[in-house]
PDB file of N, CA and C in Angstrom:
ATOM      1  N   MET A   1     -10.482 -12.088  32.198  1.00  0.00           N
ATOM      2  CA  MET A   1      -9.124 -11.786  32.601  1.00  0.00           C
ATOM      3  C   MET A   1      -9.137 -10.528  33.460  1.00  0.00           C
ATOM      4  N   ASP A   2      -8.507 -10.568  34.584  1.00  0.00           N
ATOM      5  CA  ASP A   2      -8.369  -9.427  35.478  1.00  0.00           C
ATOM      6  C   ASP A   2      -7.245  -8.540  34.952  1.00  0.00           C
ATOM      7  N   SER A   3      -7.383  -7.231  35.099  1.00  0.00           N
ATOM      8  CA  SER A   3      -6.364  -6.320  34.575  1.00  0.00           C
ATOM      9  C   SER A   3      -4.992  -6.554  35.191  1.00  0.00           C
ATOM     10  N   LYS A   4      -4.940  -7.224  36.326  1.00  0.00           N
ATOM     11  CA  LYS A   4      -3.657  -7.535  36.954  1.00  0.00           C
ATOM     12  C   LYS A   4      -3.010  -8.759  36.320  1.00  0.00           C
ATOM     13  N   ASN A   5      -3.747  -9.491  35.489  1.00  0.00           N
ATOM     14  CA  ASN A   5      -3.247 -10.733  34.916  1.00  0.00           C
ATOM     15  C   ASN A   5      -2.798 -10.597  33.468  1.00  0.00           C
ATOM     16  N   PHE A   6      -2.609  -9.391  32.962  1.00  0.00           N
ATOM     17  CA  PHE A   6      -2.115  -9.236  31.612  1.00  0.00           C
ATOM     18  C   PHE A   6      -1.072  -8.132  31.586  1.00  0.00           C
ATOM     19  N   ASP A   7      -0.258  -8.164  30.546  1.00  0.00           N
ATOM     20  CA  ASP A   7       0.743  -7.112  30.379  1.00  0.00           C
ATOM     21  C   ASP A   7       0.435  -6.350  29.095  1.00  0.00           C
ATOM     22  N   LEU A   8       1.294  -5.426  28.743  1.00  0.00           N
ATOM     23  CA  LEU A   8       1.042  -4.585  27.575  1.00  0.00           C
ATOM     24  C   LEU A   8       1.075  -5.344  26.260  1.00  0.00           C
ATOM     25  N   ASP A   9       1.610  -6.559  26.259  1.00  0.00           N
ATOM     26  CA  ASP A   9       1.641  -7.347  25.034  1.00  0.00           C
ATOM     27  C   ASP A   9       0.547  -8.410  24.986  1.00  0.00           C
ATOM     28  N   SER A  10      -0.398  -8.353  25.914  1.00  0.00           N
ATOM     29  CA  SER A  10      -1.553  -9.250  25.869  1.00  0.00           C
ATOM     30  C   SER A  10      -2.472  -8.809  24.732  1.00  0.00           C
ATOM     31  N   LEU A  11      -3.301  -9.717  24.289  1.00  0.00           N
ATOM     32  CA  LEU A  11      -4.342  -9.378  23.320  1.00  0.00           C
ATOM     33  C   LEU A  11      -5.671  -9.447  24.052  1.00  0.00           C
ATOM     34  N   LEU A  12      -6.323  -8.312  24.207  1.00  0.00           N
ATOM     35  CA  LEU A  12      -7.538  -8.215  25.008  1.00  0.00           C
ATOM     36  C   LEU A  12      -8.787  -8.251  24.146  1.00  0.00           C
ATOM     37  N   THR A  13      -9.843  -8.839  24.686  1.00  0.00           N
ATOM     38  CA  THR A  13     -11.145  -8.770  24.032  1.00  0.00           C
ATOM     39  C   THR A  13     -11.675  -7.347  24.202  1.00  0.00           C
ATOM     40  N   PRO A  14     -12.674  -6.949  23.433  1.00  0.00           N
ATOM     41  CA  PRO A  14     -13.255  -5.612  23.630  1.00  0.00           C
ATOM     42  C   PRO A  14     -13.754  -5.392  25.070  1.00  0.00           C
ATOM     43  N   ALA A  15     -14.307  -6.423  25.692  1.00  0.00           N
ATOM     44  CA  ALA A  15     -14.785  -6.283  27.075  1.00  0.00           C
ATOM     45  C   ALA A  15     -13.614  -6.056  28.032  1.00  0.00           C
ATOM     46  N   GLU A  16     -12.537  -6.825  27.874  1.00  0.00           N
ATOM     47  CA  GLU A  16     -11.360  -6.673  28.732  1.00  0.00           C
ATOM     48  C   GLU A  16     -10.706  -5.304  28.516  1.00  0.00           C
ATOM     49  N   PHE A  17     -10.614  -4.895  27.260  1.00  0.00           N
ATOM     50  CA  PHE A  17     -10.024  -3.597  26.944  1.00  0.00           C
ATOM     51  C   PHE A  17     -10.851  -2.472  27.560  1.00  0.00           C
ATOM     52  N   GLY A  18     -12.166  -2.600  27.465  1.00  0.00           N
ATOM     53  CA  GLY A  18     -13.052  -1.602  28.059  1.00  0.00           C
ATOM     54  C   GLY A  18     -12.832  -1.473  29.560  1.00  0.00           C
ATOM     55  N   ARG A  19     -12.730  -2.601  30.244  1.00  0.00           N
ATOM     56  CA  ARG A  19     -12.458  -2.553  31.691  1.00  0.00           C
ATOM     57  C   ARG A  19     -11.114  -1.898  31.961  1.00  0.00           C
ATOM     58  N   TRP A  20     -10.131  -2.188  31.124  1.00  0.00           N
ATOM     59  CA  TRP A  20      -8.786  -1.650  31.304  1.00  0.00           C
ATOM     60  C   TRP A  20      -8.767  -0.126  31.190  1.00  0.00           C
ATOM     61  N   ILE A  21      -9.533   0.426  30.232  1.00  0.00           N
ATOM     62  CA  ILE A  21      -9.536   1.880  30.058  1.00  0.00           C
ATOM     63  C   ILE A  21     -10.703   2.564  30.773  1.00  0.00           C
ATOM     64  N   GLY A  22     -11.522   1.784  31.456  1.00  0.00           N
ATOM     65  CA  GLY A  22     -12.613   2.362  32.228  1.00  0.00           C
ATOM     66  C   GLY A  22     -13.836   2.734  31.406  1.00  0.00           C
ATOM     67  N   GLN A  23     -14.080   2.000  30.326  1.00  0.00           N
ATOM     68  CA  GLN A  23     -15.241   2.237  29.470  1.00  0.00           C
ATOM     69  C   GLN A  23     -16.021   0.935  29.317  1.00  0.00           C
ATOM     70  N   SER A  24     -17.221   1.047  28.782  1.00  0.00           N
ATOM     71  CA  SER A  24     -18.038  -0.144  28.567  1.00  0.00           C
ATOM     72  C   SER A  24     -17.608  -0.865  27.292  1.00  0.00           C
ATOM     73  N   GLU A  25     -17.981  -2.136  27.205  1.00  0.00           N
ATOM     74  CA  GLU A  25     -17.696  -2.902  25.991  1.00  0.00           C
ATOM     75  C   GLU A  25     -18.380  -2.261  24.785  1.00  0.00           C
ATOM     76  N   SER A  26     -19.587  -1.775  24.962  1.00  0.00           N
ATOM     77  CA  SER A  26     -20.298  -1.161  23.827  1.00  0.00           C
ATOM     78  C   SER A  26     -19.582   0.107  23.361  1.00  0.00           C
ATOM     79  N   TRP A  27     -19.015   0.876  24.267  1.00  0.00           N
ATOM     80  CA  TRP A  27     -18.236   2.065  23.904  1.00  0.00           C
ATOM     81  C   TRP A  27     -17.052   1.652  23.034  1.00  0.00           C
ATOM     82  N   VAL A  28     -16.341   0.595  23.461  1.00  0.00           N
ATOM     83  CA  VAL A  28     -15.186   0.104  22.712  1.00  0.00           C
ATOM     84  C   VAL A  28     -15.628  -0.383  21.335  1.00  0.00           C
ATOM     85  N   ARG A  29     -16.687  -1.183  21.267  1.00  0.00           N
ATOM     86  CA  ARG A  29     -17.137  -1.736  19.986  1.00  0.00           C
ATOM     87  C   ARG A  29     -17.551  -0.643  19.000  1.00  0.00           C
ATOM     88  N   ARG A  30     -18.160   0.427  19.493  1.00  0.00           N
ATOM     89  CA  ARG A  30     -18.561   1.531  18.606  1.00  0.00           C
ATOM     90  C   ARG A  30     -17.343   2.249  18.019  1.00  0.00           C
ATOM     91  N   ARG A  31     -16.199   2.136  18.663  1.00  0.00           N
ATOM     92  CA  ARG A  31     -15.014   2.858  18.229  1.00  0.00           C
ATOM     93  C   ARG A  31     -13.912   1.961  17.653  1.00  0.00           C
ATOM     94  N   LEU A  32     -14.203   0.705  17.391  1.00  0.00           N
ATOM     95  CA  LEU A  32     -13.183  -0.224  16.902  1.00  0.00           C
ATOM     96  C   LEU A  32     -12.490   0.264  15.636  1.00  0.00           C
ATOM     97  N   SER A  33     -13.216   0.934  14.767  1.00  0.00           N
ATOM     98  CA  SER A  33     -12.617   1.370  13.499  1.00  0.00           C
ATOM     99  C   SER A  33     -11.608   2.500  13.694  1.00  0.00           C
ATOM    100  N   THR A  34     -11.658   3.191  14.820  1.00  0.00           N
ATOM    101  CA  THR A  34     -10.733   4.302  15.052  1.00  0.00           C
ATOM    102  C   THR A  34      -9.703   4.021  16.141  1.00  0.00           C
ATOM    103  N   LEU A  35      -9.849   2.934  16.862  1.00  0.00           N
ATOM    104  CA  LEU A  35      -8.896   2.620  17.931  1.00  0.00           C
ATOM    105  C   LEU A  35      -7.628   1.997  17.356  1.00  0.00           C
ATOM    106  N   PRO A  36      -6.466   2.488  17.766  1.00  0.00           N
ATOM    107  CA  PRO A  36      -5.229   1.834  17.341  1.00  0.00           C
ATOM    108  C   PRO A  36      -5.043   0.506  18.069  1.00  0.00           C
ATOM    109  N   GLY A  37      -4.387  -0.440  17.419  1.00  0.00           N
ATOM    110  CA  GLY A  37      -4.080  -1.713  18.055  1.00  0.00           C
ATOM    111  C   GLY A  37      -5.136  -2.786  17.904  1.00  0.00           C
ATOM    112  N   VAL A  38      -6.171  -2.530  17.092  1.00  0.00           N
ATOM    113  CA  VAL A  38      -7.249  -3.501  16.904  1.00  0.00           C
ATOM    114  C   VAL A  38      -6.812  -4.554  15.886  1.00  0.00           C
ATOM    115  N   ILE A  39      -7.007  -5.813  16.244  1.00  0.00           N
ATOM    116  CA  ILE A  39      -6.694  -6.940  15.359  1.00  0.00           C
ATOM    117  C   ILE A  39      -7.994  -7.681  15.099  1.00  0.00           C
ATOM    118  N   ARG A  40      -8.426  -7.694  13.850  1.00  0.00           N
ATOM    119  CA  ARG A  40      -9.670  -8.378  13.469  1.00  0.00           C
ATOM    120  C   ARG A  40      -9.331  -9.630  12.690  1.00  0.00           C
ATOM    121  N   GLU A  41      -9.525 -10.779  13.306  1.00  0.00           N
ATOM    122  CA  GLU A  41      -9.336 -12.037  12.592  1.00  0.00           C
ATOM    123  C   GLU A  41     -10.620 -12.460  11.901  1.00  0.00           C
ATOM    124  N   SER A  42     -11.733 -12.041  12.442  1.00  0.00           N
ATOM    125  CA  SER A  42     -13.046 -12.266  11.848  1.00  0.00           C
ATOM    126  C   SER A  42     -14.000 -11.269  12.500  1.00  0.00           C
ATOM    127  N   ARG A  43     -15.256 -11.308  12.084  1.00  0.00           N
ATOM    128  CA  ARG A  43     -16.232 -10.385  12.657  1.00  0.00           C
ATOM    129  C   ARG A  43     -16.413 -10.615  14.152  1.00  0.00           C
ATOM    130  N   LYS A  44     -16.287 -11.862  14.574  1.00  0.00           N
ATOM    131  CA  LYS A  44     -16.487 -12.201  15.984  1.00  0.00           C
ATOM    132  C   LYS A  44     -15.192 -12.266  16.778  1.00  0.00           C
ATOM    133  N   HIS A  45     -14.073 -12.458  16.112  1.00  0.00           N
ATOM    134  CA  HIS A  45     -12.790 -12.612  16.804  1.00  0.00           C
ATOM    135  C   HIS A  45     -12.002 -11.306  16.681  1.00  0.00           C
ATOM    136  N   ILE A  46     -12.143 -10.456  17.701  1.00  0.00           N
ATOM    137  CA  ILE A  46     -11.492  -9.150  17.720  1.00  0.00           C
ATOM    138  C   ILE A  46     -10.656  -9.058  18.985  1.00  0.00           C
ATOM    139  N   ARG A  47      -9.417  -8.620  18.835  1.00  0.00           N
ATOM    140  CA  ARG A  47      -8.537  -8.426  19.980  1.00  0.00           C
ATOM    141  C   ARG A  47      -7.879  -7.053  19.852  1.00  0.00           C
ATOM    142  N   ILE A  48      -7.467  -6.511  20.991  1.00  0.00           N
ATOM    143  CA  ILE A  48      -6.820  -5.202  21.008  1.00  0.00           C
ATOM    144  C   ILE A  48      -5.500  -5.325  21.756  1.00  0.00           C
ATOM    145  N   HIS A  49      -4.447  -4.805  21.151  1.00  0.00           N
ATOM    146  CA  HIS A  49      -3.100  -4.865  21.711  1.00  0.00           C
ATOM    147  C   HIS A  49      -2.838  -3.565  22.494  1.00  0.00           C
ATOM    148  N   PRO A  50      -2.788  -3.647  23.832  1.00  0.00           N
ATOM    149  CA  PRO A  50      -2.648  -2.431  24.653  1.00  0.00           C
ATOM    150  C   PRO A  50      -1.392  -1.605  24.353  1.00  0.00           C
ATOM    151  N   ARG A  51      -0.254  -2.257  24.099  1.00  0.00           N
ATOM    152  CA  ARG A  51       0.974  -1.492  23.844  1.00  0.00           C
ATOM    153  C   ARG A  51       0.831  -0.636  22.579  1.00  0.00           C
ATOM    154  N   THR A  52       0.265  -1.212  21.522  1.00  0.00           N
ATOM    155  CA  THR A  52       0.066  -0.455  20.286  1.00  0.00           C
ATOM    156  C   THR A  52      -0.903   0.692  20.516  1.00  0.00           C
ATOM    157  N   TYR A  53      -1.968   0.425  21.251  1.00  0.00           N
ATOM    158  CA  TYR A  53      -2.943   1.464  21.577  1.00  0.00           C
ATOM    159  C   TYR A  53      -2.251   2.634  22.279  1.00  0.00           C
ATOM    160  N   LEU A  54      -1.465   2.344  23.321  1.00  0.00           N
ATOM    161  CA  LEU A  54      -0.800   3.404  24.074  1.00  0.00           C
ATOM    162  C   LEU A  54       0.235   4.145  23.238  1.00  0.00           C
ATOM    163  N   GLU A  55       1.030   3.424  22.463  1.00  0.00           N
ATOM    164  CA  GLU A  55       2.050   4.069  21.642  1.00  0.00           C
ATOM    165  C   GLU A  55       1.430   5.036  20.641  1.00  0.00           C
ATOM    166  N   LYS A  56       0.337   4.629  20.012  1.00  0.00           N
ATOM    167  CA  LYS A  56      -0.317   5.491  19.027  1.00  0.00           C
ATOM    168  C   LYS A  56      -1.001   6.674  19.704  1.00  0.00           C
ATOM    169  N   ARG A  57      -1.680   6.428  20.810  1.00  0.00           N
ATOM    170  CA  ARG A  57      -2.381   7.507  21.510  1.00  0.00           C
ATOM    171  C   ARG A  57      -1.410   8.516  22.111  1.00  0.00           C
ATOM    172  N   LEU A  58      -0.278   8.036  22.612  1.00  0.00           N
ATOM    173  CA  LEU A  58       0.708   8.924  23.235  1.00  0.00           C
ATOM    174  C   LEU A  58       1.784   9.374  22.258  1.00  0.00           C
ATOM    175  N   LYS A  59       1.702   8.869  21.013  1.00  0.00           N
ATOM    176  CA  LYS A  59       2.645   9.200  19.945  1.00  0.00           C
ATOM    177  C   LYS A  59       4.086   8.936  20.371  1.00  0.00           C
ATOM    178  N   ILE A  60       4.321   7.730  20.886  1.00  0.00           N
ATOM    179  CA  ILE A  60       5.675   7.315  21.231  1.00  0.00           C
ATOM    180  C   ILE A  60       6.044   6.097  20.388  1.00  0.00           C
ATOM    181  N   GLY A  61       7.295   5.745  20.368  1.00  0.00           N
ATOM    182  CA  GLY A  61       7.718   4.578  19.614  1.00  0.00           C
ATOM    183  C   GLY A  61       8.580   4.961  18.428  1.00  0.00           C
ATOM    184  N   ALA A  62       8.723   4.041  17.489  1.00  0.00           N
ATOM    185  CA  ALA A  62       9.640   4.195  16.364  1.00  0.00           C
ATOM    186  C   ALA A  62       9.266   5.367  15.454  1.00  0.00           C
ATOM    187  N   GLY A  63       7.985   5.622  15.259  1.00  0.00           N
ATOM    188  CA  GLY A  63       7.577   6.659  14.322  1.00  0.00           C
ATOM    189  C   GLY A  63       7.528   8.060  14.896  1.00  0.00           C
ATOM    190  N   ALA A  64       7.715   8.197  16.192  1.00  0.00           N
ATOM    191  CA  ALA A  64       7.591   9.510  16.821  1.00  0.00           C
ATOM    192  C   ALA A  64       8.929  10.253  16.782  1.00  0.00           C
ATOM    193  N   PRO A  65       8.879  11.562  16.593  1.00  0.00           N
ATOM    194  CA  PRO A  65      10.126  12.336  16.641  1.00  0.00           C
ATOM    195  C   PRO A  65      10.681  12.362  18.053  1.00  0.00           C
ATOM    196  N   SER A  66      12.011  12.480  18.190  1.00  0.00           N
ATOM    197  CA  SER A  66      12.603  12.490  19.533  1.00  0.00           C
ATOM    198  C   SER A  66      12.626  13.851  20.146  1.00  0.00           C
TER     199      SER A  66
END
């Protein structure tokens, strides 16, 4: 998937997410346990939700103070 073909509510593979943030897939995989927005359906089926990642990293959304 090209970064132009998804929106913030897409579910990205670790490789796609890595391209989106400018890192390698191995960098992303090493940090899966600490990245916000990671959805693990199984050991092999991992997706990352970009909107959740950004909201948590930027501390915006429902839980953030105004």
